[in-house]
Each structure stands twice: as structure tokens, then as C-alpha cells.
């Protein structure tokens, strides 16, 4: 895997985990910010990011 793909996967994982952590902590506004960051990454790179039930922070 090239450096770009590795970095993109890392950014996606960070956003997913940060969203899950915020939701678990009862901070829905913060969770929405992370969800928006994830949506921006997906749109910017024309990819689909599937929801992950196992994401935890």
C-alpha cells in the first residue's frame, strides 16, 4: 500500500473512532463534527465509507 492510501486510511479511522468516542461520551455536537469530517474525506476522494459498528475510541 502506498503512503497516500495509508495516510487516508489513518485519517478515516481517526474520524470514525473520534465520532464513536464523542457519541459514547454524550457529546452529539462533537460527534457530528467528526461525522462531517468523515463525509468530507469521502467526498474529496470519491470513496464510500461504510459505517463500522466496532468503532470505539
C-alpha atoms as a PDB file:
ATOM      1  CA  UNK A   1       0.000   0.000   0.000  1.00  0.00           C
ATOM      2  CA  UNK A   2       1.376   3.403  -0.855  1.00  0.00           C
ATOM      3  CA  UNK A   3       1.903   6.260   1.566  1.00  0.00           C
ATOM      4  CA  UNK A   4      -1.170   8.168   0.344  1.00  0.00           C
ATOM      5  CA  UNK A   5      -3.524   5.225   0.899  1.00  0.00           C
ATOM      6  CA  UNK A   6      -2.021   4.561   4.319  1.00  0.00           C
ATOM      7  CA  UNK A   7      -2.474   8.193   5.355  1.00  0.00           C
ATOM      8  CA  UNK A   8      -6.042   8.304   4.036  1.00  0.00           C
ATOM      9  CA  UNK A   9      -6.970   5.095   5.877  1.00  0.00           C
ATOM     10  CA  UNK A  10      -5.480   6.537   9.050  1.00  0.00           C
ATOM     11  CA  UNK A  11      -7.471   9.776   8.711  1.00  0.00           C
ATOM     12  CA  UNK A  12     -10.671   7.801   8.119  1.00  0.00           C
ATOM     13  CA  UNK A  13     -10.041   5.569  11.145  1.00  0.00           C
ATOM     14  CA  UNK A  14      -9.290   8.614  13.307  1.00  0.00           C
ATOM     15  CA  UNK A  15     -12.556  10.297  12.286  1.00  0.00           C
ATOM     16  CA  UNK A  16     -14.622   7.138  12.806  1.00  0.00           C
ATOM     17  CA  UNK A  17     -13.133   6.492  16.232  1.00  0.00           C
ATOM     18  CA  UNK A  18     -13.416  10.130  17.320  1.00  0.00           C
ATOM     19  CA  UNK A  19     -17.091  10.146  16.309  1.00  0.00           C
ATOM     20  CA  UNK A  20     -17.768   6.958  18.272  1.00  0.00           C
ATOM     21  CA  UNK A  21     -15.936   8.286  21.311  1.00  0.00           C
ATOM     22  CA  UNK A  22     -17.910  11.536  21.253  1.00  0.00           C
ATOM     23  CA  UNK A  23     -21.229   9.688  20.921  1.00  0.00           C
ATOM     24  CA  UNK A  24     -20.351   7.363  23.805  1.00  0.00           C
ATOM     25  CA  UNK A  25     -19.436  10.385  25.933  1.00  0.00           C
ATOM     26  CA  UNK A  26     -22.801  12.016  25.216  1.00  0.00           C
ATOM     27  CA  UNK A  27     -21.381  14.814  23.051  1.00  0.00           C
ATOM     28  CA  UNK A  28     -23.593  14.723  19.938  1.00  0.00           C
ATOM     29  CA  UNK A  29     -22.388  18.088  18.584  1.00  0.00           C
ATOM     30  CA  UNK A  30     -18.776  16.926  18.643  1.00  0.00           C
ATOM     31  CA  UNK A  31     -19.788  13.606  17.087  1.00  0.00           C
ATOM     32  CA  UNK A  32     -21.474  15.438  14.223  1.00  0.00           C
ATOM     33  CA  UNK A  33     -18.282  17.414  13.577  1.00  0.00           C
ATOM     34  CA  UNK A  34     -16.328  14.183  13.236  1.00  0.00           C
ATOM     35  CA  UNK A  35     -19.043  12.685  11.017  1.00  0.00           C
ATOM     36  CA  UNK A  36     -18.840  15.769   8.796  1.00  0.00           C
ATOM     37  CA  UNK A  37     -15.050  15.418   8.618  1.00  0.00           C
ATOM     38  CA  UNK A  38     -15.515  11.802   7.533  1.00  0.00           C
ATOM     39  CA  UNK A  39     -18.076  12.806   4.896  1.00  0.00           C
ATOM     40  CA  UNK A  40     -15.697  15.477   3.591  1.00  0.00           C
ATOM     41  CA  UNK A  41     -12.871  12.943   3.279  1.00  0.00           C
ATOM     42  CA  UNK A  42     -15.143  10.546   1.412  1.00  0.00           C
ATOM     43  CA  UNK A  43     -16.390  13.238  -0.968  1.00  0.00           C
ATOM     44  CA  UNK A  44     -12.937  14.699  -1.549  1.00  0.00           C
ATOM     45  CA  UNK A  45     -11.538  11.318  -2.568  1.00  0.00           C
ATOM     46  CA  UNK A  46     -14.709   9.944  -4.211  1.00  0.00           C
ATOM     47  CA  UNK A  47     -14.923   6.939  -1.914  1.00  0.00           C
ATOM     48  CA  UNK A  48     -17.630   5.293   0.156  1.00  0.00           C
ATOM     49  CA  UNK A  49     -17.003   4.820   3.851  1.00  0.00           C
ATOM     50  CA  UNK A  50     -19.168   2.127   5.386  1.00  0.00           C
ATOM     51  CA  UNK A  51     -20.352   2.595   8.987  1.00  0.00           C
ATOM     52  CA  UNK A  52     -18.430   0.492  11.489  1.00  0.00           C
ATOM     53  CA  UNK A  53     -20.242  -0.958  14.463  1.00  0.00           C
ATOM     54  CA  UNK A  54     -16.922  -1.903  16.075  1.00  0.00           C
ATOM     55  CA  UNK A  55     -15.501   1.631  16.119  1.00  0.00           C
ATOM     56  CA  UNK A  56     -14.608   2.730  19.616  1.00  0.00           C
ATOM     57  CA  UNK A  57     -12.356   5.369  20.993  1.00  0.00           C
END
